[in-house]
Amino acid sequence: MIHQIQSGQQAEVGQAVIPLNKILSAPITQTPQAMVRVYDDYVDVKDTQTGHLKCNLRVIIYLEDNGVVKESKGGKATMENKGANALSMARD
């Protein structure tokens, strides 16, 4: 994790592990636009040399399924909304 200080230089804060696989076990929620999964958690940021805890970082991952993309005869992509199926299959 890098932090930019006022002088424009960057300083390393520490290292955080974000478990991206947890988004697939998050519950499916339906919005007017799509089916979504939201993972919201705090992860530890640890010193890269000592491994000591330095802080916590809030992580919000939003996985949205807008449907299947199909190519039309004119070469333009169109959306076919079948959101629930794709997100459900990702979990299985």
Protein backbone atom coordinates (compact mmCIF):
# COMPACT_ATOMS: atom_id res chain seq x y z
CA MET A 1 0.00 0.00 0.00
CA ILE A 2 1.50 3.30 -1.13
CA HIS A 3 0.66 6.74 0.28
CA GLN A 4 1.51 9.98 -1.52
CA ILE A 5 2.77 12.66 0.84
CA GLN A 6 2.46 16.43 0.34
CA SER A 7 5.82 16.80 -1.41
CA GLY A 8 4.52 14.50 -4.16
CA GLN A 9 6.75 11.62 -3.11
CA GLN A 10 5.39 8.20 -2.32
CA ALA A 11 5.96 6.28 0.91
CA GLU A 12 5.13 2.64 1.54
CA VAL A 13 2.64 2.18 4.37
CA GLY A 14 2.47 -1.60 4.46
CA GLN A 15 0.96 -4.66 2.82
CA ALA A 16 -2.68 -5.76 2.79
CA VAL A 17 -4.17 -9.02 1.53
CA ILE A 18 -7.60 -8.61 -0.06
CA PRO A 19 -9.43 -11.95 -0.40
CA LEU A 20 -11.10 -11.52 -3.78
CA ASN A 21 -12.64 -15.01 -3.60
CA LYS A 22 -14.99 -13.82 -0.84
CA ILE A 23 -16.98 -11.76 -3.36
CA LEU A 24 -18.29 -15.02 -4.85
CA SER A 25 -19.79 -16.08 -1.51
CA ALA A 26 -21.39 -12.69 -0.84
CA PRO A 27 -25.21 -12.72 -1.08
CA ILE A 28 -26.82 -11.75 -4.38
CA THR A 29 -28.83 -8.54 -4.29
CA GLN A 30 -31.09 -7.29 -7.05
CA THR A 31 -31.15 -3.61 -8.00
CA PRO A 32 -33.33 -2.02 -10.70
CA GLN A 33 -30.33 -2.14 -13.07
CA ALA A 34 -28.61 -5.45 -12.31
CA MET A 35 -27.83 -8.34 -9.99
CA VAL A 36 -24.95 -7.54 -7.63
CA ARG A 37 -22.71 -9.02 -4.99
CA VAL A 38 -21.10 -6.68 -2.45
CA TYR A 39 -18.17 -7.59 -0.21
CA ASP A 40 -17.54 -5.08 2.58
CA ASP A 41 -14.81 -5.78 5.13
CA TYR A 42 -11.80 -4.37 6.96
CA VAL A 43 -8.40 -5.91 6.17
CA ASP A 44 -5.18 -5.57 8.14
CA VAL A 45 -2.32 -3.49 6.76
CA LYS A 46 0.94 -4.93 8.07
CA ASP A 47 4.49 -3.64 8.04
CA THR A 48 6.30 -5.41 5.20
CA GLN A 49 9.44 -6.00 7.25
CA THR A 50 8.19 -6.81 10.75
CA GLY A 51 4.67 -8.06 10.02
CA HIS A 52 3.28 -5.85 12.79
CA LEU A 53 -0.23 -4.47 12.33
CA LYS A 54 -0.13 -0.81 11.27
CA CYS A 55 -3.79 -0.07 10.52
CA ASN A 56 -7.00 -1.40 9.01
CA LEU A 57 -8.25 -0.65 5.50
CA ARG A 58 -11.91 -0.75 4.57
CA VAL A 59 -12.45 -2.66 1.32
CA ILE A 60 -15.68 -2.58 -0.66
CA ILE A 61 -15.88 -4.80 -3.73
CA TYR A 62 -18.94 -4.46 -5.93
CA LEU A 63 -19.51 -7.17 -8.57
CA GLU A 64 -22.29 -6.26 -10.96
CA ASP A 65 -23.80 -8.45 -13.66
CA ASN A 66 -25.41 -6.38 -16.39
CA GLY A 67 -26.26 -9.36 -18.56
CA VAL A 68 -24.86 -11.16 -21.56
CA VAL A 69 -23.16 -9.12 -24.28
CA LYS A 70 -24.21 -10.09 -27.80
CA GLU A 71 -22.83 -8.74 -31.04
CA SER A 72 -25.46 -7.54 -33.49
CA LYS A 73 -25.17 -7.64 -37.30
CA GLY A 74 -23.96 -4.04 -37.35
CA GLY A 75 -20.97 -4.96 -35.19
CA LYS A 76 -22.26 -3.16 -32.09
CA ALA A 77 -22.58 -4.90 -28.75
CA THR A 78 -26.00 -5.15 -27.07
CA MET A 79 -26.90 -6.32 -23.58
CA GLU A 80 -29.29 -9.14 -22.80
CA ASN A 81 -30.05 -8.95 -19.08
CA LYS A 82 -29.83 -12.37 -17.48
CA GLY A 83 -27.94 -11.19 -14.43
CA ALA A 84 -29.12 -13.69 -11.85
CA ASN A 85 -27.87 -16.68 -13.83
CA ALA A 86 -24.30 -15.47 -14.28
CA LEU A 87 -23.83 -14.45 -10.64
CA SER A 88 -25.44 -17.65 -9.39
CA MET A 89 -23.19 -19.76 -11.62
CA ALA A 90 -20.09 -17.91 -10.37
CA ARG A 91 -20.83 -19.10 -6.85
CA ASP A 92 -21.38 -22.77 -7.77
